[in-house]
Amino acid sequence: MQEAGGKVKGAIGKLIGNERLQAKGKAKELEGKAKQESAKAAERTKGKIEEVVGTVKNRVGAVIDNQQMQAEGKGKELKGEARQRSNR
């Protein structure tokens, strides 16, 4: 949302020839992009952790011959992978 507001502000500044307003708009747009990328990075990290936990649970289930644990682990692993992909 902040990114879009910055674009609008910058466009208005350009339209009316106000360089200061245009610069403020660009700054707000870049700040919005940075916040968005930070949130995506946090989600990718959560996804990686979920994937690793799932992989471990899957393998432990295989070692102790517990199919339910394997399936739960595989599900968590896939969910973590999907979370990472959706936040690229």
PDB file of N, CA and C in Angstrom:
ATOM      1  N   MET A   1       0.821  -1.185   0.000  1.00  0.00           N
ATOM      2  CA  MET A   1       0.000   0.000   0.000  1.00  0.00           C
ATOM      3  C   MET A   1       0.873   1.260   0.000  1.00  0.00           C
ATOM      4  N   GLN A   2       1.912   1.223   0.821  1.00  0.00           N
ATOM      5  CA  GLN A   2       2.816   2.354   0.910  1.00  0.00           C
ATOM      6  C   GLN A   2       3.514   2.582  -0.430  1.00  0.00           C
ATOM      7  N   GLU A   3       3.824   1.488  -1.093  1.00  0.00           N
ATOM      8  CA  GLU A   3       4.489   1.566  -2.392  1.00  0.00           C
ATOM      9  C   GLU A   3       3.598   2.287  -3.402  1.00  0.00           C
ATOM     10  N   ALA A   4       2.318   1.925  -3.428  1.00  0.00           N
ATOM     11  CA  ALA A   4       1.376   2.545  -4.370  1.00  0.00           C
ATOM     12  C   ALA A   4       1.186   4.028  -4.058  1.00  0.00           C
ATOM     13  N   GLY A   5       1.103   4.350  -2.771  1.00  0.00           N
ATOM     14  CA  GLY A   5       0.960   5.759  -2.382  1.00  0.00           C
ATOM     15  C   GLY A   5       2.159   6.584  -2.818  1.00  0.00           C
ATOM     16  N   GLY A   6       3.334   5.985  -2.718  1.00  0.00           N
ATOM     17  CA  GLY A   6       4.548   6.668  -3.150  1.00  0.00           C
ATOM     18  C   GLY A   6       4.562   6.909  -4.646  1.00  0.00           C
ATOM     19  N   LYS A   7       4.083   5.923  -5.396  1.00  0.00           N
ATOM     20  CA  LYS A   7       4.026   6.082  -6.861  1.00  0.00           C
ATOM     21  C   LYS A   7       3.093   7.226  -7.238  1.00  0.00           C
ATOM     22  N   VAL A   8       1.944   7.285  -6.572  1.00  0.00           N
ATOM     23  CA  VAL A   8       0.960   8.338  -6.854  1.00  0.00           C
ATOM     24  C   VAL A   8       1.560   9.706  -6.518  1.00  0.00           C
ATOM     25  N   LYS A   9       2.154   9.794  -5.333  1.00  0.00           N
ATOM     26  CA  LYS A   9       2.757  11.050  -4.894  1.00  0.00           C
ATOM     27  C   LYS A   9       3.852  11.497  -5.868  1.00  0.00           C
ATOM     28  N   GLY A  10       4.684  10.555  -6.302  1.00  0.00           N
ATOM     29  CA  GLY A  10       5.744  10.872  -7.251  1.00  0.00           C
ATOM     30  C   GLY A  10       5.201  11.314  -8.589  1.00  0.00           C
ATOM     31  N   ALA A  11       4.144  10.665  -9.040  1.00  0.00           N
ATOM     32  CA  ALA A  11       3.545  11.020 -10.326  1.00  0.00           C
ATOM     33  C   ALA A  11       2.928  12.412 -10.269  1.00  0.00           C
ATOM     34  N   ILE A  12       2.278  12.732  -9.151  1.00  0.00           N
ATOM     35  CA  ILE A  12       1.688  14.068  -9.007  1.00  0.00           C
ATOM     36  C   ILE A  12       2.795  15.122  -8.994  1.00  0.00           C
ATOM     37  N   GLY A  13       3.874  14.815  -8.258  1.00  0.00           N
ATOM     38  CA  GLY A  13       5.005  15.744  -8.225  1.00  0.00           C
ATOM     39  C   GLY A  13       5.580  15.992  -9.605  1.00  0.00           C
ATOM     40  N   LYS A  14       5.690  14.933 -10.384  1.00  0.00           N
ATOM     41  CA  LYS A  14       6.223  15.064 -11.749  1.00  0.00           C
ATOM     42  C   LYS A  14       5.265  15.872 -12.614  1.00  0.00           C
ATOM     43  N   LEU A  15       3.972  15.591 -12.467  1.00  0.00           N
ATOM     44  CA  LEU A  15       2.951  16.255 -13.260  1.00  0.00           C
ATOM     45  C   LEU A  15       2.933  17.767 -13.018  1.00  0.00           C
ATOM     46  N   ILE A  16       3.060  18.162 -11.750  1.00  0.00           N
ATOM     47  CA  ILE A  16       2.993  19.593 -11.443  1.00  0.00           C
ATOM     48  C   ILE A  16       4.375  20.246 -11.372  1.00  0.00           C
ATOM     49  N   GLY A  17       5.420  19.460 -11.644  1.00  0.00           N
ATOM     50  CA  GLY A  17       6.765  20.007 -11.677  1.00  0.00           C
ATOM     51  C   GLY A  17       7.350  20.279 -10.299  1.00  0.00           C
ATOM     52  N   ASN A  18       6.894  19.559  -9.301  1.00  0.00           N
ATOM     53  CA  ASN A  18       7.385  19.741  -7.938  1.00  0.00           C
ATOM     54  C   ASN A  18       8.387  18.630  -7.635  1.00  0.00           C
ATOM     55  N   GLU A  19       9.671  18.953  -7.729  1.00  0.00           N
ATOM     56  CA  GLU A  19      10.719  17.945  -7.541  1.00  0.00           C
ATOM     57  C   GLU A  19      10.741  17.385  -6.124  1.00  0.00           C
ATOM     58  N   ARG A  20      10.451  18.234  -5.159  1.00  0.00           N
ATOM     59  CA  ARG A  20      10.440  17.777  -3.758  1.00  0.00           C
ATOM     60  C   ARG A  20       9.347  16.724  -3.542  1.00  0.00           C
ATOM     61  N   LEU A  21       8.161  17.002  -4.038  1.00  0.00           N
ATOM     62  CA  LEU A  21       7.049  16.046  -3.917  1.00  0.00           C
ATOM     63  C   LEU A  21       7.377  14.762  -4.674  1.00  0.00           C
ATOM     64  N   GLN A  22       7.994  14.910  -5.815  1.00  0.00           N
ATOM     65  CA  GLN A  22       8.392  13.757  -6.623  1.00  0.00           C
ATOM     66  C   GLN A  22       9.415  12.907  -5.852  1.00  0.00           C
ATOM     67  N   ALA A  23      10.374  13.535  -5.204  1.00  0.00           N
ATOM     68  CA  ALA A  23      11.399  12.821  -4.433  1.00  0.00           C
ATOM     69  C   ALA A  23      10.786  12.129  -3.216  1.00  0.00           C
ATOM     70  N   LYS A  24       9.874  12.828  -2.544  1.00  0.00           N
ATOM     71  CA  LYS A  24       9.201  12.218  -1.395  1.00  0.00           C
ATOM     72  C   LYS A  24       8.408  10.987  -1.830  1.00  0.00           C
ATOM     73  N   GLY A  25       7.764  11.086  -2.967  1.00  0.00           N
ATOM     74  CA  GLY A  25       7.005   9.953  -3.497  1.00  0.00           C
ATOM     75  C   GLY A  25       7.903   8.764  -3.800  1.00  0.00           C
ATOM     76  N   LYS A  26       9.046   9.030  -4.408  1.00  0.00           N
ATOM     77  CA  LYS A  26       9.997   7.965  -4.739  1.00  0.00           C
ATOM     78  C   LYS A  26      10.531   7.318  -3.463  1.00  0.00           C
ATOM     79  N   ALA A  27      10.823   8.137  -2.452  1.00  0.00           N
ATOM     80  CA  ALA A  27      11.319   7.614  -1.173  1.00  0.00           C
ATOM     81  C   ALA A  27      10.276   6.711  -0.520  1.00  0.00           C
ATOM     82  N   LYS A  28       9.026   7.144  -0.552  1.00  0.00           N
ATOM     83  CA  LYS A  28       7.947   6.351   0.050  1.00  0.00           C
ATOM     84  C   LYS A  28       7.756   5.044  -0.714  1.00  0.00           C
ATOM     85  N   GLU A  29       7.864   5.115  -2.028  1.00  0.00           N
ATOM     86  CA  GLU A  29       7.744   3.917  -2.863  1.00  0.00           C
ATOM     87  C   GLU A  29       8.854   2.916  -2.524  1.00  0.00           C
ATOM     88  N   LEU A  30      10.078   3.394  -2.411  1.00  0.00           N
ATOM     89  CA  LEU A  30      11.210   2.516  -2.098  1.00  0.00           C
ATOM     90  C   LEU A  30      11.094   1.932  -0.691  1.00  0.00           C
ATOM     91  N   GLU A  31      10.599   2.723   0.238  1.00  0.00           N
ATOM     92  CA  GLU A  31      10.395   2.234   1.606  1.00  0.00           C
ATOM     93  C   GLU A  31       9.354   1.113   1.616  1.00  0.00           C
ATOM     94  N   GLY A  32       8.305   1.281   0.836  1.00  0.00           N
ATOM     95  CA  GLY A  32       7.279   0.244   0.732  1.00  0.00           C
ATOM     96  C   GLY A  32       7.826  -1.038   0.135  1.00  0.00           C
ATOM     97  N   LYS A  33       8.651  -0.907  -0.903  1.00  0.00           N
ATOM     98  CA  LYS A  33       9.267  -2.087  -1.520  1.00  0.00           C
ATOM     99  C   LYS A  33      10.175  -2.803  -0.531  1.00  0.00           C
ATOM    100  N   ALA A  34      10.936  -2.040   0.249  1.00  0.00           N
ATOM    101  CA  ALA A  34      11.849  -2.629   1.230  1.00  0.00           C
ATOM    102  C   ALA A  34      11.079  -3.402   2.298  1.00  0.00           C
ATOM    103  N   LYS A  35       9.988  -2.829   2.781  1.00  0.00           N
ATOM    104  CA  LYS A  35       9.163  -3.510   3.784  1.00  0.00           C
ATOM    105  C   LYS A  35       8.579  -4.798   3.219  1.00  0.00           C
ATOM    106  N   GLN A  36       8.137  -4.733   1.980  1.00  0.00           N
ATOM    107  CA  GLN A  36       7.556  -5.906   1.327  1.00  0.00           C
ATOM    108  C   GLN A  36       8.606  -7.006   1.170  1.00  0.00           C
ATOM    109  N   GLU A  37       9.803  -6.648   0.751  1.00  0.00           N
ATOM    110  CA  GLU A  37      10.871  -7.638   0.587  1.00  0.00           C
ATOM    111  C   GLU A  37      11.292  -8.234   1.928  1.00  0.00           C
ATOM    112  N   SER A  38      11.288  -7.419   2.960  1.00  0.00           N
ATOM    113  CA  SER A  38      11.629  -7.896   4.302  1.00  0.00           C
ATOM    114  C   SER A  38      10.604  -8.931   4.778  1.00  0.00           C
ATOM    115  N   ALA A  39       9.348  -8.654   4.550  1.00  0.00           N
ATOM    116  CA  ALA A  39       8.294  -9.588   4.949  1.00  0.00           C
ATOM    117  C   ALA A  39       8.402 -10.904   4.166  1.00  0.00           C
ATOM    118  N   LYS A  40       8.710 -10.800   2.878  1.00  0.00           N
ATOM    119  CA  LYS A  40       8.878 -12.010   2.059  1.00  0.00           C
ATOM    120  C   LYS A  40      10.063 -12.842   2.553  1.00  0.00           C
ATOM    121  N   ALA A  41      11.150 -12.168   2.907  1.00  0.00           N
ATOM    122  CA  ALA A  41      12.340 -12.881   3.403  1.00  0.00           C
ATOM    123  C   ALA A  41      12.013 -13.615   4.700  1.00  0.00           C
ATOM    124  N   ALA A  42      11.244 -12.980   5.565  1.00  0.00           N
ATOM    125  CA  ALA A  42      10.851 -13.622   6.823  1.00  0.00           C
ATOM    126  C   ALA A  42       9.996 -14.856   6.551  1.00  0.00           C
ATOM    127  N   GLU A  43       9.097 -14.760   5.602  1.00  0.00           N
ATOM    128  CA  GLU A  43       8.247 -15.906   5.258  1.00  0.00           C
ATOM    129  C   GLU A  43       9.066 -17.031   4.625  1.00  0.00           C
ATOM    130  N   ARG A  44      10.053 -16.679   3.799  1.00  0.00           N
ATOM    131  CA  ARG A  44      10.918 -17.709   3.212  1.00  0.00           C
ATOM    132  C   ARG A  44      11.702 -18.435   4.304  1.00  0.00           C
ATOM    133  N   THR A  45      12.146 -17.693   5.306  1.00  0.00           N
ATOM    134  CA  THR A  45      12.875 -18.297   6.420  1.00  0.00           C
ATOM    135  C   THR A  45      11.977 -19.250   7.189  1.00  0.00           C
ATOM    136  N   LYS A  46      10.758 -18.826   7.473  1.00  0.00           N
ATOM    137  CA  LYS A  46       9.797 -19.700   8.158  1.00  0.00           C
ATOM    138  C   LYS A  46       9.539 -20.959   7.333  1.00  0.00           C
ATOM    139  N   GLY A  47       9.433 -20.782   6.023  1.00  0.00           N
ATOM    140  CA  GLY A  47       9.217 -21.924   5.135  1.00  0.00           C
ATOM    141  C   GLY A  47      10.381 -22.893   5.158  1.00  0.00           C
ATOM    142  N   LYS A  48      11.601 -22.372   5.191  1.00  0.00           N
ATOM    143  CA  LYS A  48      12.790 -23.234   5.227  1.00  0.00           C
ATOM    144  C   LYS A  48      12.844 -24.016   6.528  1.00  0.00           C
ATOM    145  N   ILE A  49      12.534 -23.353   7.632  1.00  0.00           N
ATOM    146  CA  ILE A  49      12.511 -24.033   8.924  1.00  0.00           C
ATOM    147  C   ILE A  49      11.463 -25.138   8.908  1.00  0.00           C
ATOM    148  N   GLU A  50      10.292 -24.833   8.391  1.00  0.00           N
ATOM    149  CA  GLU A  50       9.210 -25.821   8.307  1.00  0.00           C
ATOM    150  C   GLU A  50       9.636 -27.010   7.438  1.00  0.00           C
ATOM    151  N   GLU A  51      10.304 -26.721   6.342  1.00  0.00           N
ATOM    152  CA  GLU A  51      10.783 -27.774   5.444  1.00  0.00           C
ATOM    153  C   GLU A  51      11.787 -28.687   6.161  1.00  0.00           C
ATOM    154  N   VAL A  52      12.743 -28.089   6.862  1.00  0.00           N
ATOM    155  CA  VAL A  52      13.771 -28.870   7.559  1.00  0.00           C
ATOM    156  C   VAL A  52      13.150 -29.723   8.666  1.00  0.00           C
ATOM    157  N   VAL A  53      12.250 -29.136   9.447  1.00  0.00           N
ATOM    158  CA  VAL A  53      11.573 -29.892  10.507  1.00  0.00           C
ATOM    159  C   VAL A  53      10.802 -31.063   9.901  1.00  0.00           C
ATOM    160  N   GLY A  54      10.134 -30.823   8.794  1.00  0.00           N
ATOM    161  CA  GLY A  54       9.397 -31.882   8.117  1.00  0.00           C
ATOM    162  C   GLY A  54      10.298 -32.989   7.610  1.00  0.00           C
ATOM    163  N   THR A  55      11.433 -32.613   7.055  1.00  0.00           N
ATOM    164  CA  THR A  55      12.397 -33.596   6.551  1.00  0.00           C
ATOM    165  C   THR A  55      12.908 -34.479   7.692  1.00  0.00           C
ATOM    166  N   VAL A  56      13.240 -33.845   8.809  1.00  0.00           N
ATOM    167  CA  VAL A  56      13.724 -34.604   9.968  1.00  0.00           C
ATOM    168  C   VAL A  56      12.644 -35.561  10.466  1.00  0.00           C
ATOM    169  N   LYS A  57      11.425 -35.053  10.578  1.00  0.00           N
ATOM    170  CA  LYS A  57      10.321 -35.893  11.061  1.00  0.00           C
ATOM    171  C   LYS A  57      10.072 -37.059  10.106  1.00  0.00           C
ATOM    172  N   ASN A  58      10.152 -36.799   8.818  1.00  0.00           N
ATOM    173  CA  ASN A  58       9.975 -37.834   7.799  1.00  0.00           C
ATOM    174  C   ASN A  58      11.040 -38.921   7.961  1.00  0.00           C
ATOM    175  N   ARG A  59      12.277 -38.505   8.112  1.00  0.00           N
ATOM    176  CA  ARG A  59      13.385 -39.476   8.223  1.00  0.00           C
ATOM    177  C   ARG A  59      13.349 -40.250   9.533  1.00  0.00           C
ATOM    178  N   VAL A  60      13.006 -39.567  10.618  1.00  0.00           N
ATOM    179  CA  VAL A  60      12.880 -40.270  11.900  1.00  0.00           C
ATOM    180  C   VAL A  60      11.764 -41.312  11.796  1.00  0.00           C
ATOM    181  N   GLY A  61      10.669 -40.933  11.169  1.00  0.00           N
ATOM    182  CA  GLY A  61       9.569 -41.873  10.961  1.00  0.00           C
ATOM    183  C   GLY A  61      10.001 -43.085  10.157  1.00  0.00           C
ATOM    184  N   ALA A  62      10.850 -42.855   9.162  1.00  0.00           N
ATOM    185  CA  ALA A  62      11.354 -43.969   8.349  1.00  0.00           C
ATOM    186  C   ALA A  62      12.247 -44.878   9.180  1.00  0.00           C
ATOM    187  N   VAL A  63      13.091 -44.297  10.017  1.00  0.00           N
ATOM    188  CA  VAL A  63      14.019 -45.084  10.834  1.00  0.00           C
ATOM    189  C   VAL A  63      13.269 -45.953  11.851  1.00  0.00           C
ATOM    190  N   ILE A  64      12.225 -45.386  12.453  1.00  0.00           N
ATOM    191  CA  ILE A  64      11.486 -46.154  13.470  1.00  0.00           C
ATOM    192  C   ILE A  64      10.278 -46.878  12.880  1.00  0.00           C
ATOM    193  N   ASP A  65      10.179 -46.843  11.558  1.00  0.00           N
ATOM    194  CA  ASP A  65       9.106 -47.527  10.830  1.00  0.00           C
ATOM    195  C   ASP A  65       7.711 -47.057  11.266  1.00  0.00           C
ATOM    196  N   ASN A  66       7.554 -45.729  11.316  1.00  0.00           N
ATOM    197  CA  ASN A  66       6.273 -45.131  11.679  1.00  0.00           C
ATOM    198  C   ASN A  66       5.765 -44.359  10.463  1.00  0.00           C
ATOM    199  N   GLN A  67       4.838 -44.985   9.731  1.00  0.00           N
ATOM    200  CA  GLN A  67       4.361 -44.391   8.480  1.00  0.00           C
ATOM    201  C   GLN A  67       3.586 -43.096   8.706  1.00  0.00           C
ATOM    202  N   GLN A  68       2.855 -43.015   9.801  1.00  0.00           N
ATOM    203  CA  GLN A  68       2.105 -41.788  10.077  1.00  0.00           C
ATOM    204  C   GLN A  68       3.069 -40.617  10.295  1.00  0.00           C
ATOM    205  N   MET A  69       4.137 -40.866  11.042  1.00  0.00           N
ATOM    206  CA  MET A  69       5.127 -39.820  11.276  1.00  0.00           C
ATOM    207  C   MET A  69       5.801 -39.422   9.967  1.00  0.00           C
ATOM    208  N   GLN A  70       6.089 -40.381   9.126  1.00  0.00           N
ATOM    209  CA  GLN A  70       6.692 -40.086   7.821  1.00  0.00           C
ATOM    210  C   GLN A  70       5.773 -39.195   7.001  1.00  0.00           C
ATOM    211  N   ALA A  71       4.486 -39.553   6.967  1.00  0.00           N
ATOM    212  CA  ALA A  71       3.517 -38.792   6.170  1.00  0.00           C
ATOM    213  C   ALA A  71       3.367 -37.368   6.711  1.00  0.00           C
ATOM    214  N   GLU A  72       3.308 -37.236   8.038  1.00  0.00           N
ATOM    215  CA  GLU A  72       3.199 -35.900   8.630  1.00  0.00           C
ATOM    216  C   GLU A  72       4.439 -35.075   8.304  1.00  0.00           C
ATOM    217  N   GLY A  73       5.596 -35.708   8.380  1.00  0.00           N
ATOM    218  CA  GLY A  73       6.839 -35.018   8.057  1.00  0.00           C
ATOM    219  C   GLY A  73       6.884 -34.578   6.612  1.00  0.00           C
ATOM    220  N   LYS A  74       6.477 -35.457   5.725  1.00  0.00           N
ATOM    221  CA  LYS A  74       6.478 -35.129   4.297  1.00  0.00           C
ATOM    222  C   LYS A  74       5.509 -33.971   4.021  1.00  0.00           C
ATOM    223  N   GLY A  75       4.355 -34.014   4.679  1.00  0.00           N
ATOM    224  CA  GLY A  75       3.388 -32.929   4.509  1.00  0.00           C
ATOM    225  C   GLY A  75       3.951 -31.592   4.959  1.00  0.00           C
ATOM    226  N   LYS A  76       4.620 -31.590   6.098  1.00  0.00           N
ATOM    227  CA  LYS A  76       5.221 -30.360   6.625  1.00  0.00           C
ATOM    228  C   LYS A  76       6.347 -29.875   5.702  1.00  0.00           C
ATOM    229  N   GLU A  77       7.110 -30.816   5.191  1.00  0.00           N
ATOM    230  CA  GLU A  77       8.195 -30.487   4.264  1.00  0.00           C
ATOM    231  C   GLU A  77       7.640 -29.806   3.010  1.00  0.00           C
ATOM    232  N   LEU A  78       6.597 -30.376   2.439  1.00  0.00           N
ATOM    233  CA  LEU A  78       5.989 -29.807   1.232  1.00  0.00           C
ATOM    234  C   LEU A  78       5.361 -28.445   1.507  1.00  0.00           C
ATOM    235  N   LYS A  79       4.745 -28.305   2.680  1.00  0.00           N
ATOM    236  CA  LYS A  79       4.145 -27.024   3.056  1.00  0.00           C
ATOM    237  C   LYS A  79       5.232 -25.945   3.162  1.00  0.00           C
ATOM    238  N   GLY A  80       6.369 -26.312   3.742  1.00  0.00           N
ATOM    239  CA  GLY A  80       7.484 -25.368   3.847  1.00  0.00           C
ATOM    240  C   GLY A  80       8.030 -24.962   2.490  1.00  0.00           C
ATOM    241  N   GLU A  81       8.143 -25.929   1.589  1.00  0.00           N
ATOM    242  CA  GLU A  81       8.617 -25.630   0.228  1.00  0.00           C
ATOM    243  C   GLU A  81       7.654 -24.679  -0.482  1.00  0.00           C
ATOM    244  N   ALA A  82       6.359 -24.935  -0.311  1.00  0.00           N
ATOM    245  CA  ALA A  82       5.348 -24.084  -0.954  1.00  0.00           C
ATOM    246  C   ALA A  82       5.403 -22.653  -0.397  1.00  0.00           C
ATOM    247  N   ARG A  83       5.618 -22.547   0.915  1.00  0.00           N
ATOM    248  CA  ARG A  83       5.706 -21.227   1.544  1.00  0.00           C
ATOM    249  C   ARG A  83       6.897 -20.447   0.982  1.00  0.00           C
ATOM    250  N   GLN A  84       7.989 -21.137   0.761  1.00  0.00           N
ATOM    251  CA  GLN A  84       9.171 -20.481   0.192  1.00  0.00           C
ATOM    252  C   GLN A  84       8.903 -20.017  -1.242  1.00  0.00           C
ATOM    253  N   ARG A  85       8.292 -20.902  -2.033  1.00  0.00           N
ATOM    254  CA  ARG A  85       8.014 -20.561  -3.441  1.00  0.00           C
ATOM    255  C   ARG A  85       7.063 -19.369  -3.553  1.00  0.00           C
ATOM    256  N   SER A  86       6.065 -19.325  -2.688  1.00  0.00           N
ATOM    257  CA  SER A  86       5.065 -18.246  -2.787  1.00  0.00           C
ATOM    258  C   SER A  86       5.602 -16.892  -2.336  1.00  0.00           C
ATOM    259  N   ASN A  87       6.787 -16.878  -1.749  1.00  0.00           N
ATOM    260  CA  ASN A  87       7.353 -15.615  -1.269  1.00  0.00           C
ATOM    261  C   ASN A  87       8.660 -15.264  -1.955  1.00  0.00           C
ATOM    262  N   ARG A  88       8.799 -15.611  -3.186  1.00  0.00           N
ATOM    263  CA  ARG A  88      10.002 -15.251  -3.963  1.00  0.00           C
ATOM    264  C   ARG A  88       9.871 -13.890  -4.554  1.00  0.00           C
TER     265      ARG A  88
END
